[in-house]
Protein backbone atom coordinates (compact mmCIF):
# COMPACT_ATOMS: atom_id res chain seq x y z
CA UNK A 1 0.00 0.00 0.00
CA UNK A 2 1.29 3.43 -0.91
CA UNK A 3 1.63 5.69 2.07
CA UNK A 4 1.94 9.44 2.39
CA UNK A 5 5.67 9.21 3.08
CA UNK A 6 6.20 7.39 -0.25
CA UNK A 7 4.57 10.25 -2.16
CA UNK A 8 6.62 12.83 -0.25
CA UNK A 9 9.87 10.97 -0.95
CA UNK A 10 8.89 10.65 -4.59
CA UNK A 11 8.62 14.44 -4.83
CA UNK A 12 11.86 15.03 -2.96
CA UNK A 13 13.87 12.50 -4.97
CA UNK A 14 12.42 13.61 -8.31
CA UNK A 15 13.19 17.26 -7.62
CA UNK A 16 16.71 16.64 -6.31
CA UNK A 17 17.71 14.24 -9.08
CA UNK A 18 16.06 16.39 -11.73
CA UNK A 19 17.76 19.53 -10.47
CA UNK A 20 21.16 17.84 -10.36
CA UNK A 21 20.93 16.31 -13.82
CA UNK A 22 19.32 19.34 -15.47
CA UNK A 23 21.64 21.78 -13.74
CA UNK A 24 24.69 19.78 -14.66
CA UNK A 25 23.63 19.62 -18.30
CA UNK A 26 22.94 23.35 -18.29
CA UNK A 27 26.24 24.21 -16.60
CA UNK A 28 28.39 22.07 -18.87
CA UNK A 29 26.50 23.28 -21.93
CA UNK A 30 26.91 26.94 -21.02
CA UNK A 31 30.60 26.42 -20.30
CA UNK A 32 31.11 24.76 -23.68
CA UNK A 33 29.07 27.40 -25.54
CA UNK A 34 30.89 30.28 -23.86
CA UNK A 35 34.21 28.81 -25.01
CA UNK A 36 33.04 28.65 -28.60
CA UNK A 37 32.00 25.01 -28.83
CA UNK A 38 28.58 24.98 -30.45
CA UNK A 39 28.03 21.45 -29.20
CA UNK A 40 27.24 23.03 -25.83
CA UNK A 41 23.85 24.04 -27.19
CA UNK A 42 23.06 20.35 -27.58
CA UNK A 43 23.32 20.07 -23.79
CA UNK A 44 21.53 23.32 -22.98
CA UNK A 45 18.38 22.62 -25.01
CA UNK A 46 17.29 19.29 -23.44
CA UNK A 47 18.29 20.21 -19.87
CA UNK A 48 14.80 20.98 -18.56
CA UNK A 49 12.94 18.19 -20.42
CA UNK A 50 15.44 15.60 -19.17
CA UNK A 51 14.94 16.81 -15.60
CA UNK A 52 11.17 16.52 -16.01
CA UNK A 53 11.48 13.08 -17.59
CA UNK A 54 13.25 11.78 -14.51
CA UNK A 55 10.40 12.91 -12.26
CA UNK A 56 7.85 11.42 -14.65
CA UNK A 57 9.61 8.03 -14.62
CA UNK A 58 9.75 7.98 -10.82
CA UNK A 59 6.03 8.78 -10.67
CA UNK A 60 5.27 6.05 -13.21
CA UNK A 61 7.14 3.54 -11.07
CA UNK A 62 5.04 4.51 -8.06
CA UNK A 63 1.83 4.28 -10.12
CA UNK A 64 2.72 0.71 -11.12
CA UNK A 65 2.76 -0.22 -7.45
CA UNK A 66 -0.75 1.23 -7.06
CA UNK A 67 -2.14 -1.07 -9.77
CA UNK A 68 -1.14 -4.27 -7.98
């Protein structure tokens, strides 16, 4: 059975992991772009969607437990 603490930890872990991954992609991408490497824009553009995707996958995993 899913409890309130599971939902709270889902939000905390999704936000922390998403912020770390998205922020790291953004930081590395900006550093590359500011030094003239246009490949840095390939890291900047998907930074936010990747962070959101991580939270979505964690929520989907929790929803699978609700179905059983």
